Protein backbone atom coordinates (compact mmCIF):
# COMPACT_ATOMS: atom_id res chain seq x y z
CA MET A 1 26.07 25.94 -12.05
CA GLU A 2 25.89 27.76 -8.60
CA ILE A 3 23.60 27.36 -5.58
CA ILE A 4 19.75 27.28 -6.29
CA GLU A 5 18.22 30.40 -4.50
CA ASN A 6 14.77 30.41 -3.33
CA SER A 7 15.04 26.28 -3.63
CA LYS A 8 12.07 23.94 -3.57
CA LEU A 9 12.19 20.54 -2.55
CA THR A 10 8.68 18.55 -3.41
CA VAL A 11 8.39 14.81 -1.47
CA VAL A 12 6.28 12.57 -3.01
CA GLY A 13 4.60 10.31 -0.28
CA ALA A 14 3.33 11.12 3.35
CA GLY A 15 4.38 7.87 4.65
CA SER A 16 6.74 7.15 7.23
CA VAL A 17 9.57 7.84 4.96
CA GLY A 18 8.05 10.54 2.95
CA SER A 19 7.31 12.36 6.59
CA SER A 20 10.73 11.52 7.70
CA VAL A 21 12.25 13.02 4.53
CA ALA A 22 10.07 16.22 4.87
CA TYR A 23 11.18 16.70 8.76
CA ALA A 24 14.89 15.87 7.83
CA ALA A 25 15.05 18.71 5.26
CA LEU A 26 13.14 20.72 7.15
CA ILE A 27 15.38 20.80 10.24
CA ARG A 28 18.37 20.73 8.57
CA GLY A 29 17.48 23.93 6.30
CA SER A 30 17.94 21.40 2.93
CA ALA A 31 15.45 23.97 0.68
CA ARG A 32 13.87 27.01 1.12
CA HIS A 33 10.38 25.95 0.13
CA ILE A 34 8.87 22.11 0.74
CA ALA A 35 6.42 20.62 -0.43
CA LEU A 36 4.53 17.08 0.67
CA TYR A 37 2.38 15.54 -2.35
CA ASP A 38 -0.01 12.35 -1.27
CA VAL A 39 -2.88 11.16 -2.93
CA ALA A 40 -4.44 10.37 0.87
CA THR A 41 -5.81 14.03 1.34
CA GLU A 42 -6.68 13.89 5.31
CA LYS A 43 -2.99 12.40 5.56
CA VAL A 44 -1.08 14.78 3.59
CA GLU A 45 -2.79 17.71 5.36
CA ALA A 46 -2.16 16.13 8.87
CA GLU A 47 1.49 15.63 8.49
CA VAL A 48 1.84 18.96 6.53
CA LEU A 49 0.04 20.50 9.59
CA ASP A 50 2.31 18.68 12.30
CA LEU A 51 5.15 19.76 10.53
CA ALA A 52 4.13 23.37 9.87
CA HIS A 53 3.40 23.90 13.68
CA GLY A 54 7.02 23.57 14.69
CA THR A 55 8.73 25.56 11.90
CA GLN A 56 9.44 28.40 14.90
CA PHE A 57 11.91 26.09 15.57
CA THR A 58 13.43 25.11 12.30
CA GLY A 59 15.06 28.55 10.40
CA SER A 60 13.72 29.68 7.44
CA SER A 61 12.23 26.80 5.42
CA ASP A 62 8.42 26.75 5.28
CA ILE A 63 6.10 23.70 4.31
CA VAL A 64 2.94 22.95 1.99
CA GLY A 65 1.29 20.41 0.73
CA GLY A 66 -2.00 18.48 -0.39
CA SER A 67 -3.20 16.04 -2.89
CA ASP A 68 -3.41 18.15 -5.72
CA ILE A 69 -0.15 17.33 -7.82
CA SER A 70 -0.06 20.98 -8.55
CA VAL A 71 2.18 21.50 -5.00
CA ALA A 72 4.94 20.09 -6.80
CA ALA A 73 5.20 22.72 -9.68
CA GLY A 74 8.54 24.81 -9.99
CA SER A 75 10.38 22.07 -7.78
CA HIS A 76 13.84 21.68 -8.36
CA VAL A 77 14.40 18.60 -6.72
CA VAL A 78 11.31 15.66 -6.24
CA VAL A 79 12.37 13.08 -4.08
CA ILE A 80 9.60 9.90 -4.53
CA THR A 81 9.08 7.58 -1.68
CA ALA A 82 5.44 6.70 -2.49
CA GLY A 83 4.64 2.72 -2.85
CA ALA A 84 3.25 -0.09 -1.22
CA LYS A 85 5.22 -1.51 1.46
CA GLN A 86 6.65 -5.39 1.65
CA LYS A 87 3.78 -7.46 2.76
CA PRO A 88 4.58 -10.98 4.67
CA GLY A 89 4.96 -13.34 2.14
CA GLN A 90 5.28 -11.22 -0.52
CA THR A 91 8.42 -11.54 -2.89
CA ARG A 92 10.09 -8.53 -4.10
CA THR A 93 9.63 -9.22 -7.66
CA GLU A 94 5.86 -8.66 -6.57
CA LEU A 95 6.50 -5.48 -4.63
CA ALA A 96 8.52 -4.35 -7.78
CA GLU A 97 5.24 -5.06 -10.13
CA VAL A 98 3.16 -2.94 -7.88
CA ASN A 99 5.41 0.12 -7.21
CA ALA A 100 6.52 0.08 -10.80
CA GLY A 101 2.96 0.51 -11.96
CA ILE A 102 3.03 3.93 -9.43
CA ILE A 103 6.13 5.11 -10.83
CA ARG A 104 5.11 4.79 -14.46
CA SER A 105 1.64 6.74 -13.66
CA MET A 106 3.41 9.07 -11.65
CA MET A 107 6.10 10.31 -13.24
CA PRO A 108 4.41 11.87 -16.46
CA GLN A 109 2.27 13.66 -14.10
CA LEU A 110 5.00 14.86 -12.33
CA LEU A 111 7.05 16.21 -15.24
CA GLU A 112 3.94 18.18 -16.14
CA VAL A 113 4.21 20.11 -13.39
CA ALA A 114 8.15 19.92 -12.21
CA PRO A 115 9.80 19.68 -15.70
CA HIS A 116 13.17 20.69 -14.91
CA ALA A 117 13.64 18.96 -11.38
CA VAL A 118 16.19 16.33 -10.55
CA TYR A 119 14.23 13.00 -9.28
CA VAL A 120 15.65 11.08 -6.61
CA ILE A 121 13.95 7.49 -6.29
CA VAL A 122 13.84 6.26 -2.86
CA THR A 123 10.76 4.00 -3.55
CA ASN A 124 11.95 0.39 -3.41
CA PRO A 125 13.16 -1.48 -5.16
CA CYS A 126 14.66 1.67 -5.96
CA ASP A 127 17.18 0.73 -8.53
CA VAL A 128 14.89 -1.04 -10.68
CA LEU A 129 12.22 1.42 -10.16
CA THR A 130 14.90 4.11 -11.51
CA VAL A 131 15.32 2.64 -14.59
CA ILE A 132 11.47 2.65 -15.42
CA ALA A 133 11.38 6.21 -14.16
CA GLN A 134 14.39 7.31 -16.47
CA GLU A 135 12.55 5.22 -19.84
CA VAL A 136 9.29 6.80 -18.67
CA SER A 137 10.23 10.30 -18.46
CA GLY A 138 12.94 10.76 -20.90
CA LEU A 139 15.07 12.18 -18.80
CA PRO A 140 19.12 11.97 -19.10
CA PRO A 141 20.29 9.41 -16.26
CA GLU A 142 21.87 11.90 -14.12
CA ARG A 143 18.61 13.72 -13.71
CA VAL A 144 16.44 10.71 -12.66
CA PHE A 145 18.76 8.50 -9.71
CA ALA A 146 18.23 6.91 -6.54
CA SER A 147 19.05 6.99 -3.38
CA GLY A 148 21.28 3.71 -3.75
CA THR A 149 23.61 2.85 -0.93
CA VAL A 150 24.08 6.28 0.53
CA LEU A 151 21.85 4.99 3.84
CA ASP A 152 24.10 1.34 3.35
CA THR A 153 27.39 3.37 3.38
CA SER A 154 26.18 5.47 6.37
CA ARG A 155 25.89 1.78 8.45
CA LEU A 156 28.90 0.75 7.16
CA ARG A 157 30.69 3.78 8.34
CA TRP A 158 29.04 3.84 11.61
CA LYS A 159 30.39 -0.17 12.31
CA LEU A 160 33.31 0.27 11.43
CA ALA A 161 33.81 3.73 13.35
CA GLU A 162 32.69 1.80 16.72
CA ARG A 163 34.93 -1.11 16.02
CA ALA A 164 37.92 0.89 14.89
CA GLY A 165 37.54 3.72 17.49
CA VAL A 166 37.58 6.87 15.46
CA SER A 167 35.04 9.07 14.33
CA THR A 168 32.56 8.35 11.36
CA GLY A 169 33.56 11.40 9.39
CA SER A 170 36.98 9.42 9.67
CA VAL A 171 35.74 6.32 8.16
CA HIS A 172 36.15 6.10 3.97
CA ALA A 173 34.01 3.12 2.78
CA HIS A 174 31.47 2.57 0.53
CA ILE A 175 28.79 0.03 0.01
CA VAL A 176 28.27 -0.45 -3.58
CA GLY A 177 26.02 -2.23 -6.37
CA GLU A 178 22.28 -3.54 -5.58
CA HIS A 179 20.49 -1.51 -2.50
CA GLY A 180 19.79 -4.61 -1.50
CA ASP A 181 20.76 -8.27 -1.24
CA THR A 182 23.95 -8.55 -3.30
CA GLU A 183 25.31 -5.28 -2.05
CA PHE A 184 28.93 -5.12 -1.35
CA PRO A 185 31.39 -3.10 0.11
CA LEU A 186 34.48 -1.64 -1.73
CA TRP A 187 37.04 -2.87 0.87
CA SER A 188 39.82 -2.85 -1.49
CA ARG A 189 39.53 0.93 -1.53
CA ALA A 190 38.48 1.26 2.43
CA THR A 191 40.60 3.19 4.69
CA ILE A 192 40.44 5.29 8.08
CA GLY A 193 41.89 8.37 7.62
CA THR A 194 44.42 7.28 5.11
CA VAL A 195 45.36 3.94 6.74
CA PRO A 196 44.09 1.24 4.60
CA ILE A 197 41.19 -0.43 6.64
CA LEU A 198 43.43 -3.88 7.30
CA ASP A 199 46.28 -2.00 8.62
CA TRP A 200 44.36 0.31 11.05
CA GLN A 201 45.40 -0.24 14.63
CA VAL A 202 45.22 2.15 17.80
CA PRO A 203 45.55 1.02 21.12
CA GLY A 204 42.37 -0.79 22.54
CA HIS A 205 41.61 -1.57 19.01
CA PRO A 206 43.55 -4.24 17.11
CA ARG A 207 43.50 -4.83 13.32
CA LEU A 208 40.24 -5.89 11.77
CA THR A 209 40.79 -8.98 10.53
CA ARG A 210 39.12 -10.10 6.89
CA GLU A 211 36.32 -11.98 8.78
CA GLU A 212 35.21 -9.32 10.92
CA LEU A 213 34.86 -7.27 8.15
CA ASP A 214 32.33 -10.04 6.17
CA ALA A 215 30.46 -10.07 9.33
CA ILE A 216 30.31 -6.21 9.21
CA ALA A 217 29.24 -6.50 5.55
CA ILE A 218 26.33 -8.73 6.42
CA ASP A 219 25.50 -6.81 9.44
CA VAL A 220 24.75 -3.71 7.33
CA ARG A 221 23.29 -5.88 4.52
CA ASP A 222 20.62 -7.19 6.74
CA ALA A 223 20.26 -3.83 9.00
CA ALA A 224 16.95 -2.76 7.70
CA TYR A 225 15.29 -5.97 8.19
CA LYS A 226 16.59 -5.91 11.83
CA VAL A 227 14.99 -2.31 12.49
CA ILE A 228 11.24 -3.28 10.49
CA ARG A 229 11.10 -6.48 12.55
CA GLY A 230 11.06 -4.23 15.86
CA LYS A 231 9.24 -1.03 14.61
CA GLY A 232 7.60 -2.14 11.38
CA ALA A 233 9.80 0.36 9.07
CA THR A 234 12.93 2.59 8.57
CA ASN A 235 12.39 5.82 8.26
CA TYR A 236 14.70 8.61 10.49
CA ALA A 237 17.97 7.76 8.64
CA ILE A 238 16.66 7.64 5.25
CA GLY A 239 15.25 10.54 5.76
CA LEU A 240 18.54 12.18 6.74
CA SER A 241 20.11 10.56 3.95
CA SER A 242 17.64 11.68 1.47
CA ALA A 243 17.90 15.51 3.00
CA ARG A 244 21.46 15.27 2.29
CA ILE A 245 21.31 13.67 -1.09
CA VAL A 246 18.93 17.08 -1.67
CA GLU A 247 21.36 19.35 -0.32
CA ALA A 248 24.26 18.02 -2.59
CA ILE A 249 21.81 19.11 -5.39
CA LEU A 250 20.68 22.10 -4.59
CA ARG A 251 23.90 23.46 -3.44
CA ASP A 252 25.56 22.08 -6.25
CA GLU A 253 28.26 20.56 -4.20
CA HIS A 254 29.94 17.80 -6.68
CA ALA A 255 29.84 15.60 -3.72
CA VAL A 256 31.02 12.12 -4.13
CA MET A 257 28.22 9.56 -3.00
CA PRO A 258 27.18 6.23 -4.16
CA VAL A 259 23.56 6.70 -5.58
CA SER A 260 22.06 4.50 -8.18
CA THR A 261 21.94 5.76 -11.86
CA VAL A 262 21.39 3.54 -14.92
CA LEU A 263 24.60 2.98 -15.84
CA HIS A 264 26.12 2.76 -19.49
CA ASP A 265 29.27 1.08 -20.49
CA PHE A 266 30.33 0.86 -16.64
CA HIS A 267 32.95 -1.64 -16.33
CA GLY A 268 30.80 -4.39 -18.44
CA VAL A 269 27.33 -2.67 -16.67
CA ASP A 270 24.77 -1.64 -19.10
CA GLY A 271 21.33 -0.47 -18.88
CA VAL A 272 21.01 -1.59 -14.98
CA ALA A 273 20.63 1.03 -12.12
CA LEU A 274 23.45 0.47 -9.75
CA SER A 275 25.23 2.64 -6.85
CA VAL A 276 28.51 3.42 -7.55
CA PRO A 277 30.62 6.71 -6.45
CA SER A 278 29.18 9.66 -8.33
CA ILE A 279 29.35 13.28 -8.55
CA VAL A 280 26.46 14.81 -7.06
CA SER A 281 25.60 18.48 -8.07
CA ALA A 282 22.72 20.78 -9.51
CA THR A 283 22.69 18.98 -12.82
CA GLY A 284 21.95 15.62 -10.98
CA ALA A 285 24.31 12.38 -10.46
CA VAL A 286 27.32 11.13 -12.83
CA PRO A 287 29.25 8.00 -11.84
CA ILE A 288 32.77 8.13 -11.40
CA ARG A 289 33.77 5.93 -14.22
CA ASN A 290 37.59 5.56 -13.20
CA THR A 291 36.24 3.66 -10.12
CA SER A 292 38.39 1.23 -9.61
CA PHE A 293 37.33 -2.43 -8.62
CA SER A 294 39.52 -5.75 -7.55
CA ALA A 295 38.93 -8.77 -9.48
CA GLU A 296 36.15 -9.75 -6.90
CA GLU A 297 34.59 -6.80 -6.55
CA LEU A 298 34.05 -6.47 -9.95
CA ASP A 299 32.46 -10.21 -10.15
CA LEU A 300 30.29 -8.57 -7.30
CA LEU A 301 29.08 -5.77 -9.33
CA HIS A 302 28.41 -8.13 -12.53
CA ARG A 303 26.25 -10.24 -9.88
CA SER A 304 24.43 -7.31 -8.67
CA ALA A 305 23.48 -6.48 -11.98
CA THR A 306 22.49 -9.42 -13.09
CA ALA A 307 19.97 -9.85 -9.99
CA LEU A 308 18.14 -6.69 -10.75
CA GLU A 309 18.16 -7.64 -14.81
CA GLY A 310 16.17 -10.57 -13.70
CA VAL A 311 13.59 -8.55 -11.47
CA ARG A 312 13.50 -6.08 -14.26
CA ALA A 313 12.59 -8.54 -17.21
CA THR A 314 9.63 -9.56 -15.17
CA LEU A 315 8.30 -6.43 -15.36
CA GLY A 316 7.55 -5.95 -18.95
CA ALA A 317 7.52 -2.61 -20.71
C-alpha cells in the first residue's frame, strides 16, 4: 500500500490522554484531518476549540469534533482512549470490567461510521481490551491492536541512553509482554549501536551490570505510578507515542514497534494480546514471528500471558 492521502484520524475520548493524543498529532502533522469524539458535549467542544485556536502554528492539519459519533466517519485510524480512570482502592480487574463494557458498546457504533479504519486501543488495561475489541468487531487481529509497550520501550531507551551517555535513538531495546506489572525487557537482544548492552563502555560510562539493568526495568515498569502520584495522570508521553503509531499506519512505514495484537500460536501463546515486536503499516500490525527469546524471557512471556488470561476470564462474554 501507499501513504494514505487526505488522511483522517479520530481520537475517541477527550480526557487528558485523548486530548494529548490530538495535540501531539496536530503538532506533528500525523494526519491531515483530526477529529475528537466524546459523549461529554461541553468538554469535547471546549478541547476542540482550544486546539483549533492554535492551528495557525501547527501546519496543514485541521481539527473538528463533538459528541455525535458521525465525527468519526471516514476515519483511516481510530485511537480509543475513552474509559474510566483507576480509582484509589479499585483493582485492575474492577477497572477492566468497567472499560470492557465501554469497548463492547462503542466498537459496533464506530464500525458503522468507520468500517475500514485501523483501531488502536490506548484505554487500560489495553491488552485485555484489545482481545474484547477484536472479538466484538470481528476484524482481523492486525486491524485492532493496542499501543502496548511502545511508551514503556521509550521510557527504557531514555533511561539506558542517560546511563550509557548516548542519544536515545542509539539504544535498541524493547519492553514486551503485558503493558503493566508483568512486562519485561528483551535484554538478550538489546544493543547500544551494534554493541550488546552488557558490553557497552565508554570513558565516563562503565559497563552496565545485570543488577543495574534489573533496577532500570523496575523503574520503567513503575514509571507511570510515579507520574500519577505527582500529577494525577500520564498524558504527554502517551500522546506522543500514540501519534507516532498513527504515523506508522498512515505513512505505511512498515515500522517495527512493540504494539499489542491478539497473538495466535506465537511461541506457545494463543488468544492473548501481548506486545511483541511487530511491523506497523497501513494494513495494521503484524507480529514478527521469528522474534527470538532466551529461555528466561520465554518463561516471562508465558507468565505475562497467564496473568492476562486470568483477567480476561473474569470479564465474561
